[in-house]
Each structure stands twice: as structure tokens, then as C-alpha cells.
Amino acid sequence: MQPIRVGVVGLGQVAQIMHIPYLHTMPGFRIVAVCDLSASLVEGLGSLYHVPGRYLDYREMIASSEMDAVVICSTFKHADIALAAIERGLHVFVEKPLCESPALAREIATAADRAGVKVMVAVMKRYDPGFWRWQQEIRDLQEIRLVRAHDFCHNNNRVIADAYELLVPDDIPAEATAAARAVATERYRQALGGDPEPHIISGYALGLGLGVHDITILRGSFGEPKEVLFADIAREGFPTTVAVLDYGAWRCTWEIGVTDTKQMDQELAAWSRDAMVSLRFASPYIRNVPTELTTIRSAGEETVITSTVASYRESFQNELAHFQECVVADRRPLTDAWDGLKDIEWLLEIAQKART
């Protein structure tokens, strides 16, 4: 079986720490091209991993390189790159979020179906062995009373500086970054409609960048909420967000934000009549640190507390393996573009609720 030939767009932190090393070592893939706005990253990583195709413009890479798929790790322009790849008949593996708005997500999903290619959104927590074990555990819960999704991210740069020696570019054109950020902000505005206040735009952007992890594992655990009952985005300072989601017989509370510490604090927890179950996620940037599942149940007069580590296998590796299987066996990815659309729709609904 021939490996899938991939071109990687965006050579920053997550690409260097996770995607490129796995694409390089997994037998199902071969990196044939890399692309970034930074010439130093393109040449540095191209040389390190012996990649023949090296580009500063994703359009040139897609047009010129012989590839089967594009892996999108860039900070901006996910939709633009994905649509260009789909038009060329290439499969797409795109880091979350899929894009900035439901309208763009729907365009990507429709284009992919029409072209007969796979688009997979890389929400790695859906492929975490600990999350798979959590899904088994919650199936037998009796009368759920409350679910809580809590996600306060550490300072990524401080953690990465401790753990890795990455190539750090100093040659990215400032005007290119500013232009891409301006396009993203305008797309946030268009998605929100009207004249959204700055904190609403920032809160929506935070939801797409961070909160998408929580929305996707909630949906992967319990399905779709009925509605957003309450949402608030802080007006001053960082756009910390809290929300309450209606799941019918019970509610889910959700809070996201960022600290300047080096401690990741992300937990998904459920309280039911007969048990308390929690899943704690480690830093997403430290490889092979397991997600820890804790279950508390009553057994007669005793209280039994069980701690489970399902596996040390990296979720980033699992999601790439799933993508490879879907391409080779012609299967629909678990987190395809239509699934990514649903995440964005709920994040937009939360931001809109905070405006009322």
C-alpha cells in the first residue's frame, strides 16, 4: 500500500511538536511538501525532514506539488486553504477550528461531498484514549443531575519553552499576519451579524480557538444540546466565558478562559444518582501524558474510587491514523466538515446568547 502523500501548510508549534513528527514516522504517510510564510521555517523543517517541496504560498504548493492530501496547521485561512485543496481533488486534514463561520463550514462540507474527498477536523480530544474510556463509563449512568465542562488553558509558550527546542521564525512579514488577522476578524463579524461589541467578537474567537475542544467532547459524549439557556462573556480584560446548556433532564455548565500559569486545568465531569465521573486532560503540548478518568460509586456501605489511565498513546497520533484509514478505505471521518459545522454553530449560539 502506497503512503498518502501530504503537504503541510503552517509550520508553527503544533506542526513541529505533533503533526510533522508523526507524519514523518507513521508508515501511512509521506511528507512531500511544506509551506509557511516564514522562509526560515520552510527551509529549516524541509531540511530536517528531507522534504522535497518547499513553498511560501499555499496556492503554489497545491498547484505545483504531487500530493494526495493537505494538512492545515496554519493560524489563519483554514477555509481558503481547504477550499483550494478540495478544488484540486485533495483530501484535507485541518486543525481546529474548521473555519470562522457556519456559512464557510457549510461551503467546505458541500464542496468536499461534491468532489468526493475527505475533510477531517483535527479535534484531537475526540481521539483521546481516555475520552474513549469515558464514553464507555457514562453509558451506564443513572439519572444524570449535572455535567460540567471546565477549560482554563495554560500559557502555551511558557510550557513549550520548557519542553522543546523548536524553530522560532523572525522573518514572517508583519503585514501578511495583520492582513490575515483582519480577514478573520471580519469573518467573525459577519458570522455574528449586526454590530457586535468587541468583547463578543473576542469571546467568539476564544470559543473557536479553545472552547471548540469542550463543545466537541460534549457532543461526542451526550449528543446535541437542546438550547443555550445562558451565556456571558466578560466585557473587561480577557473574554472569559460561562454558559449553561440545556440537555433536557439536566444542565451543563461550561466555562473557558486562559491563565498565565504553566498548569492546564481542563475537566469534563458528570454527576448522576449513582456515580460521579470526571475526566482530566493534561497539557495538549506535552506528548504521551495520559488523560485521567476518575469514577466514584457506592457499593453497599462502601465508596469505591477508581482511577483509570486508558493508554499512553498520543491522541494526535490516533487522529492521523483515523484520517489515513478514512482516505484508504473510503470512510467518512468521525469529525468531518459537517461535524465541525455543528461545533461552530453552537459556539456562535453561545456568543449570540451573551449579547442578549
Protein backbone atom coordinates (compact mmCIF):
# COMPACT_ATOMS: atom_id res chain seq x y z
CA MET A 1 0.00 0.00 0.00
CA GLN A 2 1.41 3.36 -1.02
CA PRO A 3 1.63 6.04 1.70
CA ILE A 4 -0.56 9.11 1.48
CA ARG A 5 1.48 11.99 0.07
CA VAL A 6 0.84 15.10 2.16
CA GLY A 7 1.70 18.75 2.03
CA VAL A 8 1.75 20.62 5.34
CA VAL A 9 0.65 24.25 5.49
CA GLY A 10 1.69 26.11 8.65
CA LEU A 11 4.90 25.07 10.39
CA GLY A 12 4.39 26.53 13.86
CA GLN A 13 4.14 24.95 17.29
CA VAL A 14 1.54 22.21 16.84
CA ALA A 15 3.02 21.23 13.48
CA GLN A 16 6.55 20.93 14.89
CA ILE A 17 5.57 19.20 18.14
CA MET A 18 2.88 16.83 16.91
CA HIS A 19 1.84 16.62 13.28
CA ILE A 20 5.11 16.66 11.37
CA PRO A 21 6.93 14.15 13.62
CA TYR A 22 4.01 11.70 13.38
CA LEU A 23 3.54 12.21 9.65
CA HIS A 24 7.26 11.56 9.26
CA THR A 25 7.33 8.33 11.29
CA MET A 26 3.92 6.77 10.57
CA PRO A 27 4.17 4.37 7.60
CA GLY A 28 0.85 5.54 6.17
CA PHE A 29 2.14 9.00 5.25
CA ARG A 30 4.93 10.69 3.33
CA ILE A 31 5.54 14.42 3.57
CA VAL A 32 6.22 15.71 0.08
CA ALA A 33 5.79 19.46 0.64
CA VAL A 34 5.85 22.07 3.39
CA CYS A 35 4.58 25.64 3.28
CA ASP A 36 4.74 28.65 5.55
CA LEU A 37 5.02 32.43 5.39
CA SER A 38 8.43 32.04 7.07
CA ALA A 39 11.24 31.11 4.69
CA SER A 40 13.41 30.06 7.65
CA LEU A 41 10.78 27.56 8.82
CA VAL A 42 10.28 26.19 5.33
CA GLU A 43 13.99 25.66 4.77
CA GLY A 44 14.72 24.53 8.33
CA LEU A 45 11.98 21.92 8.56
CA GLY A 46 12.30 20.99 4.91
CA SER A 47 15.94 20.13 5.51
CA LEU A 48 15.31 18.43 8.86
CA TYR A 49 12.69 16.08 7.43
CA HIS A 50 14.14 15.83 3.90
CA VAL A 51 11.02 17.28 2.26
CA PRO A 52 11.50 18.00 -1.46
CA GLY A 53 8.72 20.56 -1.96
CA ARG A 54 9.18 23.89 -0.13
CA TYR A 55 6.79 26.80 -0.59
CA LEU A 56 5.91 30.22 0.79
CA ASP A 57 2.43 30.28 -0.80
CA TYR A 58 -0.12 27.51 -0.23
CA ARG A 59 -1.69 28.16 -3.64
CA GLU A 60 1.60 27.45 -5.36
CA MET A 61 2.08 24.30 -3.28
CA ILE A 62 -1.39 22.98 -4.11
CA ALA A 63 -0.96 23.76 -7.80
CA SER A 64 2.60 22.50 -8.18
CA SER A 65 3.18 19.57 -5.84
CA GLU A 66 2.06 15.97 -6.45
CA MET A 67 0.00 15.29 -3.34
CA ASP A 68 -2.95 13.25 -2.12
CA ALA A 69 -3.82 15.39 0.90
CA VAL A 70 -3.17 18.71 2.60
CA VAL A 71 -2.59 19.03 6.35
CA ILE A 72 -3.56 22.52 7.53
CA CYS A 73 -1.83 23.74 10.70
CA SER A 74 -1.81 27.46 9.94
CA THR A 75 -3.18 30.03 12.35
CA PHE A 76 -5.40 31.66 9.73
CA LYS A 77 -7.04 30.96 6.35
CA HIS A 78 -8.23 27.42 7.09
CA ALA A 79 -11.25 27.86 4.81
CA ASP A 80 -9.24 29.36 1.95
CA ILE A 81 -6.65 26.59 2.03
CA ALA A 82 -9.24 23.83 2.42
CA LEU A 83 -11.37 25.07 -0.48
CA ALA A 84 -8.30 25.39 -2.73
CA ALA A 85 -7.26 21.83 -1.86
CA ILE A 86 -10.76 20.45 -2.42
CA GLU A 87 -10.93 22.15 -5.81
CA ARG A 88 -7.74 20.28 -6.74
CA GLY A 89 -9.31 16.99 -5.59
CA LEU A 90 -7.15 16.66 -2.46
CA HIS A 91 -8.19 15.30 0.91
CA VAL A 92 -7.95 17.74 3.83
CA PHE A 93 -6.88 17.30 7.45
CA VAL A 94 -7.42 20.65 9.14
CA GLU A 95 -6.54 21.76 12.67
CA LYS A 96 -9.48 23.12 14.65
CA PRO A 97 -11.39 25.27 14.16
CA LEU A 98 -12.53 24.31 10.70
CA CYS A 99 -13.12 27.99 9.90
CA GLU A 100 -14.62 31.22 11.26
CA SER A 101 -18.32 30.80 10.49
CA PRO A 102 -21.11 28.29 9.85
CA ALA A 103 -21.53 29.62 6.30
CA LEU A 104 -17.89 28.86 5.42
CA ALA A 105 -18.07 25.46 7.16
CA ARG A 106 -21.14 24.57 5.12
CA GLU A 107 -19.36 25.65 1.95
CA ILE A 108 -16.38 23.42 2.77
CA ALA A 109 -18.56 20.43 3.65
CA THR A 110 -20.64 20.78 0.50
CA ALA A 111 -17.58 21.19 -1.71
CA ALA A 112 -15.93 18.12 -0.17
CA ASP A 113 -19.02 15.96 -0.77
CA ARG A 114 -19.28 17.20 -4.33
CA ALA A 115 -15.59 16.48 -5.02
CA GLY A 116 -15.65 13.11 -3.29
CA VAL A 117 -12.77 13.95 -0.93
CA LYS A 118 -12.40 13.62 2.82
CA VAL A 119 -12.25 16.64 5.12
CA MET A 120 -11.37 15.85 8.72
CA VAL A 121 -11.29 18.40 11.54
CA ALA A 122 -8.43 17.71 13.94
CA VAL A 123 -10.13 17.94 17.32
CA MET A 124 -7.72 15.55 18.96
CA LYS A 125 -9.62 15.13 22.24
CA ARG A 126 -12.26 13.12 20.38
CA TYR A 127 -9.44 10.64 19.64
CA ASP A 128 -8.01 10.55 23.16
CA PRO A 129 -7.94 7.00 24.65
CA GLY A 130 -9.10 8.46 27.97
CA PHE A 131 -12.09 10.06 26.24
CA TRP A 132 -12.99 6.76 24.58
CA ARG A 133 -12.89 5.12 28.03
CA TRP A 134 -15.04 7.97 29.45
CA GLN A 135 -17.64 7.31 26.74
CA GLN A 136 -17.91 3.71 27.95
CA GLU A 137 -18.19 4.79 31.59
CA ILE A 138 -21.01 7.31 31.13
CA ARG A 139 -23.25 4.90 29.17
CA ASP A 140 -24.46 3.29 32.40
CA LEU A 141 -25.01 6.47 34.43
CA GLN A 142 -28.43 6.57 36.08
CA GLU A 143 -30.29 9.90 36.15
CA ILE A 144 -27.62 12.45 35.30
CA ARG A 145 -28.02 15.53 37.51
CA LEU A 146 -25.34 17.87 36.12
CA VAL A 147 -22.43 17.95 33.67
CA ARG A 148 -19.61 20.47 33.87
CA ALA A 149 -17.12 21.38 31.15
CA HIS A 150 -14.27 23.46 32.56
CA ASP A 151 -11.34 24.64 30.45
CA PHE A 152 -8.70 27.12 31.57
CA CYS A 153 -5.69 26.90 29.31
CA HIS A 154 -2.14 27.47 30.46
CA ASN A 155 0.30 29.85 28.80
CA ASN A 156 1.24 27.70 25.82
CA ASN A 157 4.51 29.50 25.11
CA ARG A 158 5.83 29.03 28.66
CA VAL A 159 5.09 25.30 28.62
CA ILE A 160 6.61 24.82 25.17
CA ALA A 161 9.76 26.74 26.15
CA ASP A 162 10.30 24.26 28.98
CA ALA A 163 9.73 21.15 26.90
CA TYR A 164 11.02 21.68 23.37
CA GLU A 165 13.65 23.29 21.19
CA LEU A 166 11.52 24.50 18.31
CA LEU A 167 12.43 26.55 15.28
CA VAL A 168 11.14 30.06 16.02
CA PRO A 169 10.83 32.33 12.99
CA ASP A 170 11.68 36.02 12.91
CA ASP A 171 11.00 36.54 9.21
CA ILE A 172 7.20 36.38 8.92
CA PRO A 173 6.05 39.55 7.15
CA ALA A 174 4.11 41.62 9.70
CA GLU A 175 1.77 42.94 7.05
CA ALA A 176 0.79 39.41 5.99
CA THR A 177 -0.07 38.43 9.55
CA ALA A 178 -2.01 41.64 10.09
CA ALA A 179 -3.96 41.15 6.88
CA ALA A 180 -4.87 37.55 7.75
CA ARG A 181 -5.97 38.59 11.24
CA ALA A 182 -8.11 41.37 9.77
CA VAL A 183 -9.82 38.90 7.43
CA ALA A 184 -10.53 36.55 10.34
CA THR A 185 -11.99 39.37 12.44
CA GLU A 186 -14.23 40.46 9.59
CA ARG A 187 -15.46 36.90 9.22
CA TYR A 188 -16.26 36.80 12.94
CA ARG A 189 -18.27 40.00 12.48
CA GLN A 190 -20.14 38.58 9.52
CA ALA A 191 -20.97 35.40 11.42
CA LEU A 192 -22.26 37.34 14.42
CA GLY A 193 -24.17 39.84 12.29
CA GLY A 194 -25.13 43.41 13.13
CA ASP A 195 -22.53 45.41 15.02
CA PRO A 196 -21.10 43.10 17.72
CA GLU A 197 -19.26 44.67 20.63
CA PRO A 198 -15.51 43.96 20.88
CA HIS A 199 -15.87 41.56 23.82
CA ILE A 200 -18.40 39.49 21.88
CA ILE A 201 -16.03 39.19 18.93
CA SER A 202 -13.18 38.23 21.27
CA GLY A 203 -15.37 35.73 23.10
CA TYR A 204 -16.46 34.10 19.86
CA ALA A 205 -12.83 33.89 18.71
CA LEU A 206 -11.85 32.31 22.06
CA GLY A 207 -14.66 29.81 21.64
CA LEU A 208 -13.41 28.80 18.21
CA GLY A 209 -9.80 28.55 19.37
CA LEU A 210 -10.24 26.97 22.80
CA GLY A 211 -13.88 26.24 23.55
CA VAL A 212 -14.27 24.08 20.45
CA HIS A 213 -12.47 21.32 22.38
CA ASP A 214 -15.20 21.34 25.03
CA ILE A 215 -18.12 21.57 22.64
CA THR A 216 -16.89 18.65 20.56
CA ILE A 217 -16.35 16.33 23.54
CA LEU A 218 -19.73 17.32 24.99
CA ARG A 219 -21.38 16.49 21.68
CA GLY A 220 -19.33 13.31 21.42
CA SER A 221 -20.50 12.32 24.90
CA PHE A 222 -24.13 13.36 25.11
CA GLY A 223 -25.21 14.49 21.65
CA GLU A 224 -26.66 17.87 20.78
CA PRO A 225 -27.91 20.27 23.48
CA LYS A 226 -31.49 21.48 23.17
CA GLU A 227 -30.52 25.13 23.52
CA VAL A 228 -28.24 27.66 25.20
CA LEU A 229 -30.05 28.87 28.32
CA PHE A 230 -27.48 31.43 29.46
CA ALA A 231 -24.14 32.84 28.33
CA ASP A 232 -21.90 35.65 29.47
CA ILE A 233 -18.61 36.95 28.07
CA ALA A 234 -16.53 39.23 30.28
CA ARG A 235 -16.62 42.80 29.00
CA GLU A 236 -13.33 43.87 30.56
CA GLY A 237 -10.00 42.10 30.41
CA PHE A 238 -9.78 38.62 28.94
CA PRO A 239 -13.04 37.35 27.38
CA THR A 240 -13.68 34.61 29.95
CA THR A 241 -16.93 32.89 29.04
CA VAL A 242 -19.54 30.99 31.05
CA ALA A 243 -22.64 29.31 29.68
CA VAL A 244 -25.45 26.93 30.62
CA LEU A 245 -26.61 24.37 28.06
CA ASP A 246 -29.98 22.61 28.23
CA TYR A 247 -29.89 18.83 27.85
CA GLY A 248 -33.48 18.29 28.87
CA ALA A 249 -33.44 16.41 32.19
CA TRP A 250 -30.17 18.06 33.20
CA ARG A 251 -27.95 21.07 32.55
CA CYS A 252 -24.35 21.51 31.51
CA THR A 253 -22.30 24.38 32.87
CA TRP A 254 -19.37 25.50 30.74
CA GLU A 255 -16.55 27.91 31.47
CA ILE A 256 -13.45 28.75 29.48
CA GLY A 257 -10.52 31.11 29.89
CA VAL A 258 -6.75 31.41 29.94
CA THR A 259 -4.18 31.87 32.69
CA ASP A 260 -0.52 32.89 32.58
CA THR A 261 0.48 29.77 34.53
CA LYS A 262 2.04 26.57 33.24
CA GLN A 263 -0.81 24.46 34.63
CA MET A 264 -3.52 23.12 32.30
CA ASP A 265 -6.91 22.93 34.02
CA GLN A 266 -9.40 21.12 31.82
CA GLU A 267 -12.01 18.71 33.12
CA LEU A 268 -15.23 17.13 31.90
CA ALA A 269 -17.33 15.84 34.80
CA ALA A 270 -20.76 14.31 35.33
CA TRP A 271 -22.82 13.81 38.46
CA SER A 272 -25.60 11.25 38.45
CA ARG A 273 -27.80 9.49 41.00
CA ASP A 274 -25.36 6.64 41.40
CA ALA A 275 -21.92 8.00 40.45
CA MET A 276 -19.53 10.89 39.94
CA VAL A 277 -17.27 10.64 36.89
CA SER A 278 -14.54 13.05 35.86
CA LEU A 279 -12.03 13.21 33.03
CA ARG A 280 -8.99 15.44 33.41
CA PHE A 281 -6.90 16.40 30.41
CA ALA A 282 -3.20 17.15 30.60
CA SER A 283 -1.40 19.79 28.56
CA PRO A 284 -2.07 19.18 24.86
CA TYR A 285 1.50 20.18 24.05
CA ILE A 286 3.27 17.52 26.13
CA ARG A 287 3.38 14.25 24.24
CA ASN A 288 2.01 10.98 25.67
CA VAL A 289 0.82 12.36 29.01
CA PRO A 290 -2.37 10.36 29.68
CA THR A 291 -5.85 11.67 30.35
CA GLU A 292 -7.05 10.50 33.79
CA LEU A 293 -10.53 9.11 34.40
CA THR A 294 -11.89 9.03 37.96
CA THR A 295 -15.10 7.27 38.92
CA ILE A 296 -16.75 7.39 42.34
CA ARG A 297 -19.54 4.92 43.07
CA SER A 298 -21.31 3.50 46.10
CA ALA A 299 -21.05 -0.25 46.69
CA GLY A 300 -23.28 -1.08 49.63
CA GLU A 301 -21.88 0.78 52.60
CA GLU A 302 -18.60 1.43 50.81
CA THR A 303 -17.49 4.19 48.47
CA VAL A 304 -15.31 2.92 45.64
CA ILE A 305 -12.99 5.37 43.90
CA THR A 306 -11.42 4.13 40.67
CA SER A 307 -8.70 5.90 38.72
CA THR A 308 -8.10 4.74 35.16
CA VAL A 309 -5.37 5.50 32.63
CA ALA A 310 -6.64 4.02 29.39
CA SER A 311 -3.44 4.38 27.38
CA TYR A 312 -0.31 6.43 26.90
CA ARG A 313 -0.85 6.56 23.15
CA GLU A 314 -0.99 10.14 21.86
CA SER A 315 -4.36 11.43 20.64
CA PHE A 316 -2.65 13.36 17.82
CA GLN A 317 -1.31 10.04 16.53
CA ASN A 318 -4.75 8.44 16.79
CA GLU A 319 -6.45 11.16 14.76
CA LEU A 320 -3.88 10.91 11.98
CA ALA A 321 -4.32 7.14 11.92
CA HIS A 322 -8.08 7.66 11.60
CA PHE A 323 -7.59 10.09 8.73
CA GLN A 324 -5.32 7.64 6.94
CA GLU A 325 -7.89 4.85 7.37
CA CYS A 326 -10.70 7.05 6.05
CA VAL A 327 -8.74 8.02 2.95
CA VAL A 328 -7.59 4.48 2.16
CA ALA A 329 -10.86 2.70 2.97
CA ASP A 330 -13.14 5.48 1.67
CA ARG A 331 -14.84 6.10 5.02
CA ARG A 332 -16.38 9.27 6.38
CA PRO A 333 -14.24 10.76 9.20
CA LEU A 334 -15.80 10.84 12.64
CA THR A 335 -15.12 14.58 12.83
CA ASP A 336 -15.77 15.56 9.24
CA ALA A 337 -16.66 19.02 7.99
CA TRP A 338 -20.35 18.56 8.79
CA ASP A 339 -19.44 17.68 12.35
CA GLY A 340 -17.11 20.69 12.51
CA LEU A 341 -20.02 22.84 11.32
CA LYS A 342 -22.10 21.75 14.32
CA ASP A 343 -19.31 22.79 16.73
CA ILE A 344 -19.17 26.23 15.13
CA GLU A 345 -22.94 26.62 15.20
CA TRP A 346 -23.07 26.00 18.95
CA LEU A 347 -20.14 28.34 19.63
CA LEU A 348 -21.88 31.04 17.62
CA GLU A 349 -25.13 30.41 19.52
CA ILE A 350 -23.27 30.86 22.83
CA ALA A 351 -21.74 34.14 21.65
CA GLN A 352 -25.13 35.36 20.40
CA LYS A 353 -26.77 34.47 23.71
CA ALA A 354 -24.18 36.61 25.51
CA ARG A 355 -25.39 39.62 23.51
CA THR A 356 -28.94 39.42 24.91
